[in-house]
Amino acid sequence: ASGTCAMLPKEQGGVVDDQLRVYGVEKLRIVDTSIFPIIPD
């Protein structure tokens, strides 16, 4: 499982920014494969 909280700009449907911070939630970062915008092969 990966890619469910993609690190992308919010306008493109991203959930976290390039500092791993969740958009709209203070003091929460995601550090797992859910932030991968593309599932590794």
PDB file of all heavy atoms in Angstrom:
ATOM      1  N   ALA A   1       0.843  -1.199   0.000  1.00  0.00           N
ATOM      2  CA  ALA A   1       0.000   0.000   0.000  1.00  0.00           C
ATOM      3  C   ALA A   1       0.875   1.244   0.000  1.00  0.00           C
ATOM      4  O   ALA A   1       1.795   1.365   0.800  1.00  0.00           O
ATOM      5  CB  ALA A   1      -0.909  -0.008   1.215  1.00  0.00           C
ATOM      6  N   SER A   2       0.600   2.144  -0.900  1.00  0.00           N
ATOM      7  CA  SER A   2       1.319   3.407  -0.943  1.00  0.00           C
ATOM      8  C   SER A   2       0.555   4.371  -1.834  1.00  0.00           C
ATOM      9  O   SER A   2      -0.318   3.973  -2.599  1.00  0.00           O
ATOM     10  CB  SER A   2       2.751   3.217  -1.440  1.00  0.00           C
ATOM     11  OG  SER A   2       2.775   2.683  -2.729  1.00  0.00           O
ATOM     12  N   GLY A   3       0.898   5.648  -1.698  1.00  0.00           N
ATOM     13  CA  GLY A   3       0.309   6.653  -2.560  1.00  0.00           C
ATOM     14  C   GLY A   3      -1.030   7.210  -2.129  1.00  0.00           C
ATOM     15  O   GLY A   3      -1.645   7.949  -2.871  1.00  0.00           O
ATOM     16  N   THR A   4      -1.504   6.899  -0.929  1.00  0.00           N
ATOM     17  CA  THR A   4      -2.825   7.367  -0.503  1.00  0.00           C
ATOM     18  C   THR A   4      -2.810   8.768   0.081  1.00  0.00           C
ATOM     19  O   THR A   4      -3.862   9.377   0.228  1.00  0.00           O
ATOM     20  CB  THR A   4      -3.443   6.400   0.522  1.00  0.00           C
ATOM     21  OG1 THR A   4      -2.545   6.264   1.620  1.00  0.00           O
ATOM     22  CG2 THR A   4      -3.703   5.042  -0.099  1.00  0.00           C
ATOM     23  N   CYS A   5      -1.641   9.284   0.437  1.00  0.00           N
ATOM     24  CA  CYS A   5      -1.492  10.650   0.978  1.00  0.00           C
ATOM     25  C   CYS A   5      -0.368  11.352   0.224  1.00  0.00           C
ATOM     26  O   CYS A   5       0.622  11.790   0.804  1.00  0.00           O
ATOM     27  CB  CYS A   5      -1.182  10.621   2.474  1.00  0.00           C
ATOM     28  SG  CYS A   5      -2.458   9.884   3.487  1.00  0.00           S
ATOM     29  N   ALA A   6      -0.498  11.468  -1.059  1.00  0.00           N
ATOM     30  CA  ALA A   6       0.589  11.908  -1.928  1.00  0.00           C
ATOM     31  C   ALA A   6       1.205  13.251  -1.536  1.00  0.00           C
ATOM     32  O   ALA A   6       0.515  14.175  -1.131  1.00  0.00           O
ATOM     33  CB  ALA A   6       0.101  11.985  -3.361  1.00  0.00           C
ATOM     34  N   MET A   7       2.523  13.318  -1.677  1.00  0.00           N
ATOM     35  CA  MET A   7       3.249  14.570  -1.494  1.00  0.00           C
ATOM     36  C   MET A   7       3.202  15.300  -2.832  1.00  0.00           C
ATOM     37  O   MET A   7       4.001  15.056  -3.740  1.00  0.00           O
ATOM     38  CB  MET A   7       4.704  14.320  -1.088  1.00  0.00           C
ATOM     39  CG  MET A   7       5.446  15.612  -0.870  1.00  0.00           C
ATOM     40  SD  MET A   7       7.213  15.555  -0.504  1.00  0.00           S
ATOM     41  CE  MET A   7       7.640  13.882  -0.353  1.00  0.00           C
ATOM     42  N   LEU A   8       2.232  16.167  -2.932  1.00  0.00           N
ATOM     43  CA  LEU A   8       2.005  16.979  -4.125  1.00  0.00           C
ATOM     44  C   LEU A   8       1.468  18.327  -3.662  1.00  0.00           C
ATOM     45  O   LEU A   8       0.998  18.447  -2.527  1.00  0.00           O
ATOM     46  CB  LEU A   8       0.952  16.323  -5.033  1.00  0.00           C
ATOM     47  CG  LEU A   8       1.314  15.041  -5.754  1.00  0.00           C
ATOM     48  CD1 LEU A   8       0.067  14.417  -6.382  1.00  0.00           C
ATOM     49  CD2 LEU A   8       2.343  15.331  -6.834  1.00  0.00           C
ATOM     50  N   PRO A   9       1.473  19.329  -4.532  1.00  0.00           N
ATOM     51  CA  PRO A   9       0.802  20.571  -4.157  1.00  0.00           C
ATOM     52  C   PRO A   9      -0.664  20.293  -3.839  1.00  0.00           C
ATOM     53  O   PRO A   9      -1.304  19.424  -4.456  1.00  0.00           O
ATOM     54  CB  PRO A   9       0.940  21.433  -5.415  1.00  0.00           C
ATOM     55  CG  PRO A   9       2.161  20.907  -6.107  1.00  0.00           C
ATOM     56  CD  PRO A   9       2.139  19.426  -5.835  1.00  0.00           C
ATOM     57  N   LYS A  10      -1.186  21.015  -2.872  1.00  0.00           N
ATOM     58  CA  LYS A  10      -2.573  20.809  -2.455  1.00  0.00           C
ATOM     59  C   LYS A  10      -3.537  20.923  -3.635  1.00  0.00           C
ATOM     60  O   LYS A  10      -4.496  20.163  -3.739  1.00  0.00           O
ATOM     61  CB  LYS A  10      -2.928  21.825  -1.365  1.00  0.00           C
ATOM     62  CG  LYS A  10      -4.260  21.600  -0.732  1.00  0.00           C
ATOM     63  CD  LYS A  10      -4.493  22.576   0.400  1.00  0.00           C
ATOM     64  CE  LYS A  10      -5.825  22.328   1.064  1.00  0.00           C
ATOM     65  NZ  LYS A  10      -6.070  23.276   2.155  1.00  0.00           N
ATOM     66  N   GLU A  11      -3.235  21.870  -4.553  1.00  0.00           N
ATOM     67  CA  GLU A  11      -4.101  22.087  -5.721  1.00  0.00           C
ATOM     68  C   GLU A  11      -4.156  20.873  -6.640  1.00  0.00           C
ATOM     69  O   GLU A  11      -5.070  20.727  -7.436  1.00  0.00           O
ATOM     70  CB  GLU A  11      -3.613  23.296  -6.539  1.00  0.00           C
ATOM     71  CG  GLU A  11      -3.443  24.579  -5.761  1.00  0.00           C
ATOM     72  CD  GLU A  11      -2.163  24.624  -4.931  1.00  0.00           C
ATOM     73  OE1 GLU A  11      -1.075  24.267  -5.419  1.00  0.00           O
ATOM     74  OE2 GLU A  11      -2.270  25.017  -3.759  1.00  0.00           O
ATOM     75  N   GLN A  12      -3.153  20.023  -6.556  1.00  0.00           N
ATOM     76  CA  GLN A  12      -3.112  18.820  -7.397  1.00  0.00           C
ATOM     77  C   GLN A  12      -3.599  17.584  -6.633  1.00  0.00           C
ATOM     78  O   GLN A  12      -3.385  16.462  -7.068  1.00  0.00           O
ATOM     79  CB  GLN A  12      -1.695  18.587  -7.906  1.00  0.00           C
ATOM     80  CG  GLN A  12      -1.219  19.641  -8.858  1.00  0.00           C
ATOM     81  CD  GLN A  12       0.207  19.393  -9.329  1.00  0.00           C
ATOM     82  OE1 GLN A  12       0.783  18.324  -9.136  1.00  0.00           O
ATOM     83  NE2 GLN A  12       0.795  20.394  -9.954  1.00  0.00           N
ATOM     84  N   GLY A  13      -4.210  17.801  -5.481  1.00  0.00           N
ATOM     85  CA  GLY A  13      -4.738  16.690  -4.701  1.00  0.00           C
ATOM     86  C   GLY A  13      -3.784  16.132  -3.679  1.00  0.00           C
ATOM     87  O   GLY A  13      -4.038  15.084  -3.081  1.00  0.00           O
ATOM     88  N   GLY A  14      -2.673  16.834  -3.438  1.00  0.00           N
ATOM     89  CA  GLY A  14      -1.699  16.373  -2.458  1.00  0.00           C
ATOM     90  C   GLY A  14      -2.222  16.471  -1.041  1.00  0.00           C
ATOM     91  O   GLY A  14      -3.123  17.256  -0.738  1.00  0.00           O
ATOM     92  N   VAL A  15      -1.631  15.686  -0.162  1.00  0.00           N
ATOM     93  CA  VAL A  15      -2.010  15.650   1.248  1.00  0.00           C
ATOM     94  C   VAL A  15      -0.906  16.239   2.123  1.00  0.00           C
ATOM     95  O   VAL A  15      -1.180  16.826   3.149  1.00  0.00           O
ATOM     96  CB  VAL A  15      -2.344  14.201   1.685  1.00  0.00           C
ATOM     97  CG1 VAL A  15      -2.646  14.112   3.165  1.00  0.00           C
ATOM     98  CG2 VAL A  15      -3.510  13.670   0.870  1.00  0.00           C
ATOM     99  N   VAL A  16       0.357  16.096   1.684  1.00  0.00           N
ATOM    100  CA  VAL A  16       1.486  16.632   2.450  1.00  0.00           C
ATOM    101  C   VAL A  16       2.364  17.501   1.555  1.00  0.00           C
ATOM    102  O   VAL A  16       2.436  17.308   0.341  1.00  0.00           O
ATOM    103  CB  VAL A  16       2.352  15.519   3.104  1.00  0.00           C
ATOM    104  CG1 VAL A  16       1.552  14.692   4.079  1.00  0.00           C
ATOM    105  CG2 VAL A  16       2.987  14.635   2.068  1.00  0.00           C
ATOM    106  N   ASP A  17       3.062  18.456   2.205  1.00  0.00           N
ATOM    107  CA  ASP A  17       3.978  19.318   1.467  1.00  0.00           C
ATOM    108  C   ASP A  17       5.373  18.709   1.453  1.00  0.00           C
ATOM    109  O   ASP A  17       5.576  17.592   1.941  1.00  0.00           O
ATOM    110  CB  ASP A  17       3.974  20.733   2.052  1.00  0.00           C
ATOM    111  CG  ASP A  17       4.514  20.815   3.478  1.00  0.00           C
ATOM    112  OD1 ASP A  17       5.151  19.851   3.974  1.00  0.00           O
ATOM    113  OD2 ASP A  17       4.305  21.858   4.116  1.00  0.00           O
ATOM    114  N   ASP A  18       6.342  19.457   0.923  1.00  0.00           N
ATOM    115  CA  ASP A  18       7.694  18.920   0.799  1.00  0.00           C
ATOM    116  C   ASP A  18       8.448  18.823   2.125  1.00  0.00           C
ATOM    117  O   ASP A  18       9.563  18.314   2.168  1.00  0.00           O
ATOM    118  CB  ASP A  18       8.509  19.709  -0.224  1.00  0.00           C
ATOM    119  CG  ASP A  18       8.719  21.160   0.190  1.00  0.00           C
ATOM    120  OD1 ASP A  18       8.139  21.624   1.199  1.00  0.00           O
ATOM    121  OD2 ASP A  18       9.481  21.843  -0.522  1.00  0.00           O
ATOM    122  N   GLN A  19       7.804  19.280   3.202  1.00  0.00           N
ATOM    123  CA  GLN A  19       8.365  19.120   4.543  1.00  0.00           C
ATOM    124  C   GLN A  19       7.615  18.034   5.315  1.00  0.00           C
ATOM    125  O   GLN A  19       7.741  17.914   6.524  1.00  0.00           O
ATOM    126  CB  GLN A  19       8.315  20.452   5.302  1.00  0.00           C
ATOM    127  CG  GLN A  19       9.147  21.550   4.649  1.00  0.00           C
ATOM    128  CD  GLN A  19      10.628  21.206   4.658  1.00  0.00           C
ATOM    129  OE1 GLN A  19      11.215  21.025   5.719  1.00  0.00           O
ATOM    130  NE2 GLN A  19      11.221  21.090   3.477  1.00  0.00           N
ATOM    131  N   LEU A  20       6.804  17.267   4.603  1.00  0.00           N
ATOM    132  CA  LEU A  20       6.030  16.135   5.127  1.00  0.00           C
ATOM    133  C   LEU A  20       4.888  16.551   6.046  1.00  0.00           C
ATOM    134  O   LEU A  20       4.311  15.718   6.737  1.00  0.00           O
ATOM    135  CB  LEU A  20       6.952  15.122   5.844  1.00  0.00           C
ATOM    136  CG  LEU A  20       8.190  14.702   5.070  1.00  0.00           C
ATOM    137  CD1 LEU A  20       9.067  13.799   5.918  1.00  0.00           C
ATOM    138  CD2 LEU A  20       7.815  14.028   3.776  1.00  0.00           C
ATOM    139  N   ARG A  21       4.539  17.840   6.038  1.00  0.00           N
ATOM    140  CA  ARG A  21       3.454  18.356   6.877  1.00  0.00           C
ATOM    141  C   ARG A  21       2.118  18.147   6.179  1.00  0.00           C
ATOM    142  O   ARG A  21       1.985  18.404   4.982  1.00  0.00           O
ATOM    143  CB  ARG A  21       3.672  19.837   7.164  1.00  0.00           C
ATOM    144  CG  ARG A  21       4.941  20.118   7.947  1.00  0.00           C
ATOM    145  CD  ARG A  21       5.183  21.598   8.075  1.00  0.00           C
ATOM    146  NE  ARG A  21       5.391  22.151   6.737  1.00  0.00           N
ATOM    147  CZ  ARG A  21       6.168  23.188   6.464  1.00  0.00           C
ATOM    148  NH1 ARG A  21       6.808  23.811   7.438  1.00  0.00           N
ATOM    149  NH2 ARG A  21       6.307  23.624   5.227  1.00  0.00           N
ATOM    150  N   VAL A  22       1.125  17.734   6.948  1.00  0.00           N
ATOM    151  CA  VAL A  22      -0.212  17.519   6.405  1.00  0.00           C
ATOM    152  C   VAL A  22      -0.882  18.879   6.225  1.00  0.00           C
ATOM    153  O   VAL A  22      -0.906  19.694   7.154  1.00  0.00           O
ATOM    154  CB  VAL A  22      -1.055  16.623   7.338  1.00  0.00           C
ATOM    155  CG1 VAL A  22      -2.471  16.474   6.808  1.00  0.00           C
ATOM    156  CG2 VAL A  22      -0.401  15.262   7.500  1.00  0.00           C
ATOM    157  N   TYR A  23      -1.403  19.129   5.034  1.00  0.00           N
ATOM    158  CA  TYR A  23      -2.095  20.387   4.768  1.00  0.00           C
ATOM    159  C   TYR A  23      -3.278  20.550   5.721  1.00  0.00           C
ATOM    160  O   TYR A  23      -4.074  19.635   5.905  1.00  0.00           O
ATOM    161  CB  TYR A  23      -2.621  20.441   3.324  1.00  0.00           C
ATOM    162  CG  TYR A  23      -1.540  20.468   2.274  1.00  0.00           C
ATOM    163  CD1 TYR A  23      -1.442  19.447   1.334  1.00  0.00           C
ATOM    164  CD2 TYR A  23      -0.626  21.508   2.209  1.00  0.00           C
ATOM    165  CE1 TYR A  23      -0.459  19.471   0.355  1.00  0.00           C
ATOM    166  CE2 TYR A  23       0.371  21.540   1.230  1.00  0.00           C
ATOM    167  CZ  TYR A  23       0.442  20.519   0.320  1.00  0.00           C
ATOM    168  OH  TYR A  23       1.425  20.536  -0.648  1.00  0.00           O
ATOM    169  N   GLY A  24      -3.356  21.722   6.367  1.00  0.00           N
ATOM    170  CA  GLY A  24      -4.506  22.043   7.212  1.00  0.00           C
ATOM    171  C   GLY A  24      -4.474  21.446   8.611  1.00  0.00           C
ATOM    172  O   GLY A  24      -5.431  21.610   9.358  1.00  0.00           O
ATOM    173  N   VAL A  25      -3.397  20.743   8.972  1.00  0.00           N
ATOM    174  CA  VAL A  25      -3.297  20.142  10.306  1.00  0.00           C
ATOM    175  C   VAL A  25      -1.953  20.561  10.897  1.00  0.00           C
ATOM    176  O   VAL A  25      -0.909  20.297  10.316  1.00  0.00           O
ATOM    177  CB  VAL A  25      -3.383  18.595  10.256  1.00  0.00           C
ATOM    178  CG1 VAL A  25      -3.293  18.006  11.652  1.00  0.00           C
ATOM    179  CG2 VAL A  25      -4.658  18.152   9.564  1.00  0.00           C
ATOM    180  N   GLU A  26      -1.989  21.211  12.043  1.00  0.00           N
ATOM    181  CA  GLU A  26      -0.748  21.648  12.674  1.00  0.00           C
ATOM    182  C   GLU A  26      -0.030  20.496  13.360  1.00  0.00           C
ATOM    183  O   GLU A  26      -0.665  19.625  13.955  1.00  0.00           O
ATOM    184  CB  GLU A  26      -1.035  22.745  13.702  1.00  0.00           C
ATOM    185  CG  GLU A  26      -1.432  24.068  13.073  1.00  0.00           C
ATOM    186  CD  GLU A  26      -1.545  25.175  14.099  1.00  0.00           C
ATOM    187  OE1 GLU A  26      -0.749  25.211  15.056  1.00  0.00           O
ATOM    188  OE2 GLU A  26      -2.466  25.987  13.938  1.00  0.00           O
ATOM    189  N   LYS A  27       1.292  20.514  13.283  1.00  0.00           N
ATOM    190  CA  LYS A  27       2.168  19.586  13.996  1.00  0.00           C
ATOM    191  C   LYS A  27       1.928  18.117  13.659  1.00  0.00           C
ATOM    192  O   LYS A  27       2.046  17.241  14.516  1.00  0.00           O
ATOM    193  CB  LYS A  27       2.078  19.814  15.507  1.00  0.00           C
ATOM    194  CG  LYS A  27       2.493  21.214  15.913  1.00  0.00           C
ATOM    195  CD  LYS A  27       2.461  21.390  17.402  1.00  0.00           C
ATOM    196  CE  LYS A  27       2.885  22.809  17.750  1.00  0.00           C
ATOM    197  NZ  LYS A  27       2.944  23.021  19.176  1.00  0.00           N
ATOM    198  N   LEU A  28       1.569  17.853  12.418  1.00  0.00           N
ATOM    199  CA  LEU A  28       1.399  16.466  11.986  1.00  0.00           C
ATOM    200  C   LEU A  28       2.164  16.266  10.689  1.00  0.00           C
ATOM    201  O   LEU A  28       1.985  17.014   9.721  1.00  0.00           O
ATOM    202  CB  LEU A  28      -0.075  16.117  11.775  1.00  0.00           C
ATOM    203  CG  LEU A  28      -0.356  14.695  11.284  1.00  0.00           C
ATOM    204  CD1 LEU A  28       0.109  13.662  12.311  1.00  0.00           C
ATOM    205  CD2 LEU A  28      -1.831  14.512  10.988  1.00  0.00           C
ATOM    206  N   ARG A  29       3.028  15.278  10.684  1.00  0.00           N
ATOM    207  CA  ARG A  29       3.773  14.898   9.483  1.00  0.00           C
ATOM    208  C   ARG A  29       3.492  13.434   9.186  1.00  0.00           C
ATOM    209  O   ARG A  29       3.218  12.655  10.096  1.00  0.00           O
ATOM    210  CB  ARG A  29       5.276  15.089   9.695  1.00  0.00           C
ATOM    211  CG  ARG A  29       5.673  16.530   9.911  1.00  0.00           C
ATOM    212  CD  ARG A  29       7.164  16.625  10.157  1.00  0.00           C
ATOM    213  NE  ARG A  29       7.542  17.880  10.730  1.00  0.00           N
ATOM    214  CZ  ARG A  29       8.140  18.872  10.075  1.00  0.00           C
ATOM    215  NH1 ARG A  29       8.440  18.732   8.813  1.00  0.00           N
ATOM    216  NH2 ARG A  29       8.452  19.991  10.693  1.00  0.00           N
ATOM    217  N   ILE A  30       3.612  13.085   7.929  1.00  0.00           N
ATOM    218  CA  ILE A  30       3.464  11.687   7.532  1.00  0.00           C
ATOM    219  C   ILE A  30       4.803  11.221   6.988  1.00  0.00           C
ATOM    220  O   ILE A  30       5.386  11.854   6.111  1.00  0.00           O
ATOM    221  CB  ILE A  30       2.360  11.506   6.480  1.00  0.00           C
ATOM    222  CG1 ILE A  30       1.004  11.909   7.046  1.00  0.00           C
ATOM    223  CG2 ILE A  30       2.333  10.056   5.988  1.00  0.00           C
ATOM    224  CD1 ILE A  30      -0.127  11.817   6.057  1.00  0.00           C
ATOM    225  N   VAL A  31       5.284  10.109   7.529  1.00  0.00           N
ATOM    226  CA  VAL A  31       6.574   9.553   7.102  1.00  0.00           C
ATOM    227  C   VAL A  31       6.377   8.061   6.835  1.00  0.00           C
ATOM    228  O   VAL A  31       6.745   7.206   7.632  1.00  0.00           O
ATOM    229  CB  VAL A  31       7.670   9.781   8.168  1.00  0.00           C
ATOM    230  CG1 VAL A  31       9.003   9.247   7.674  1.00  0.00           C
ATOM    231  CG2 VAL A  31       7.778  11.253   8.531  1.00  0.00           C
ATOM    232  N   ASP A  32       5.730   7.752   5.737  1.00  0.00           N
ATOM    233  CA  ASP A  32       5.576   6.366   5.305  1.00  0.00           C
ATOM    234  C   ASP A  32       5.289   6.357   3.809  1.00  0.00           C
ATOM    235  O   ASP A  32       5.246   7.403   3.174  1.00  0.00           O
ATOM    236  CB  ASP A  32       4.493   5.628   6.116  1.00  0.00           C
ATOM    237  CG  ASP A  32       3.090   6.188   5.929  1.00  0.00           C
ATOM    238  OD1 ASP A  32       2.821   6.867   4.915  1.00  0.00           O
ATOM    239  OD2 ASP A  32       2.251   5.956   6.808  1.00  0.00           O
ATOM    240  N   THR A  33       5.089   5.199   3.256  1.00  0.00           N
ATOM    241  CA  THR A  33       4.938   5.090   1.806  1.00  0.00           C
ATOM    242  C   THR A  33       3.656   5.719   1.277  1.00  0.00           C
ATOM    243  O   THR A  33       3.521   5.871   0.069  1.00  0.00           O
ATOM    244  CB  THR A  33       4.997   3.624   1.349  1.00  0.00           C
ATOM    245  OG1 THR A  33       3.951   2.902   1.986  1.00  0.00           O
ATOM    246  CG2 THR A  33       6.339   3.006   1.648  1.00  0.00           C
ATOM    247  N   SER A  34       2.747   6.104   2.148  1.00  0.00           N
ATOM    248  CA  SER A  34       1.525   6.732   1.657  1.00  0.00           C
ATOM    249  C   SER A  34       1.794   8.071   0.996  1.00  0.00           C
ATOM    250  O   SER A  34       0.975   8.548   0.223  1.00  0.00           O
ATOM    251  CB  SER A  34       0.505   6.886   2.791  1.00  0.00           C
ATOM    252  OG  SER A  34       0.954   7.816   3.751  1.00  0.00           O
ATOM    253  N   ILE A  35       2.956   8.711   1.280  1.00  0.00           N
ATOM    254  CA  ILE A  35       3.235  10.011   0.664  1.00  0.00           C
ATOM    255  C   ILE A  35       3.821   9.902  -0.734  1.00  0.00           C
ATOM    256  O   ILE A  35       3.951  10.906  -1.417  1.00  0.00           O
ATOM    257  CB  ILE A  35       4.150  10.883   1.547  1.00  0.00           C
ATOM    258  CG1 ILE A  35       5.569  10.356   1.578  1.00  0.00           C
ATOM    259  CG2 ILE A  35       3.577  11.048   2.931  1.00  0.00           C
ATOM    260  CD1 ILE A  35       6.572  11.371   2.066  1.00  0.00           C
ATOM    261  N   PHE A  36       4.189   8.723  -1.168  1.00  0.00           N
ATOM    262  CA  PHE A  36       4.763   8.576  -2.504  1.00  0.00           C
ATOM    263  C   PHE A  36       3.704   8.916  -3.549  1.00  0.00           C
ATOM    264  O   PHE A  36       2.661   8.278  -3.594  1.00  0.00           O
ATOM    265  CB  PHE A  36       5.257   7.152  -2.745  1.00  0.00           C
ATOM    266  CG  PHE A  36       6.402   6.703  -1.875  1.00  0.00           C
ATOM    267  CD1 PHE A  36       6.818   5.394  -1.914  1.00  0.00           C
ATOM    268  CD2 PHE A  36       7.066   7.566  -1.019  1.00  0.00           C
ATOM    269  CE1 PHE A  36       7.881   4.949  -1.134  1.00  0.00           C
ATOM    270  CE2 PHE A  36       8.124   7.142  -0.236  1.00  0.00           C
ATOM    271  CZ  PHE A  36       8.533   5.828  -0.294  1.00  0.00           C
ATOM    272  N   PRO A  37       3.974   9.907  -4.410  1.00  0.00           N
ATOM    273  CA  PRO A  37       2.976  10.251  -5.423  1.00  0.00           C
ATOM    274  C   PRO A  37       2.843   9.173  -6.505  1.00  0.00           C
ATOM    275  O   PRO A  37       1.828   9.068  -7.165  1.00  0.00           O
ATOM    276  CB  PRO A  37       3.480  11.561  -6.016  1.00  0.00           C
ATOM    277  CG  PRO A  37       4.933  11.596  -5.700  1.00  0.00           C
ATOM    278  CD  PRO A  37       5.132  10.785  -4.452  1.00  0.00           C
ATOM    279  N   ILE A  38       3.908   8.369  -6.664  1.00  0.00           N
ATOM    280  CA  ILE A  38       3.901   7.267  -7.631  1.00  0.00           C
ATOM    281  C   ILE A  38       4.378   6.011  -6.898  1.00  0.00           C
ATOM    282  O   ILE A  38       5.378   6.047  -6.179  1.00  0.00           O
ATOM    283  CB  ILE A  38       4.833   7.563  -8.817  1.00  0.00           C
ATOM    284  CG1 ILE A  38       4.360   8.820  -9.561  1.00  0.00           C
ATOM    285  CG2 ILE A  38       4.908   6.373  -9.772  1.00  0.00           C
ATOM    286  CD1 ILE A  38       5.337   9.331 -10.586  1.00  0.00           C
ATOM    287  N   ILE A  39       3.683   4.911  -7.065  1.00  0.00           N
ATOM    288  CA  ILE A  39       4.060   3.665  -6.400  1.00  0.00           C
ATOM    289  C   ILE A  39       5.346   3.148  -7.029  1.00  0.00           C
ATOM    290  O   ILE A  39       5.428   3.001  -8.258  1.00  0.00           O
ATOM    291  CB  ILE A  39       2.939   2.621  -6.512  1.00  0.00           C
ATOM    292  CG1 ILE A  39       1.675   3.143  -5.815  1.00  0.00           C
ATOM    293  CG2 ILE A  39       3.374   1.295  -5.915  1.00  0.00           C
ATOM    294  CD1 ILE A  39       0.448   2.293  -6.048  1.00  0.00           C
ATOM    295  N   PRO A  40       6.377   2.890  -6.221  1.00  0.00           N
ATOM    296  CA  PRO A  40       7.635   2.385  -6.785  1.00  0.00           C
ATOM    297  C   PRO A  40       7.433   1.054  -7.499  1.00  0.00           C
ATOM    298  O   PRO A  40       6.576   0.257  -7.118  1.00  0.00           O
ATOM    299  CB  PRO A  40       8.530   2.189  -5.557  1.00  0.00           C
ATOM    300  CG  PRO A  40       7.915   3.004  -4.478  1.00  0.00           C
ATOM    301  CD  PRO A  40       6.442   3.041  -4.768  1.00  0.00           C
ATOM    302  N   ASP A  41       8.241   0.800  -8.529  1.00  0.00           N
ATOM    303  CA  ASP A  41       8.135  -0.461  -9.262  1.00  0.00           C
ATOM    304  C   ASP A  41       9.076  -1.508  -8.684  1.00  0.00           C
ATOM    305  O   ASP A  41       9.553  -2.387  -9.390  1.00  0.00           O
ATOM    306  CB  ASP A  41       8.389  -0.255 -10.753  1.00  0.00           C
ATOM    307  CG  ASP A  41       9.806   0.222 -11.040  1.00  0.00           C
ATOM    308  OD1 ASP A  41      10.524   0.582 -10.093  1.00  0.00           O
ATOM    309  OD2 ASP A  41      10.190   0.232 -12.219  1.00  0.00           O
TER     310      ASP A  41
END
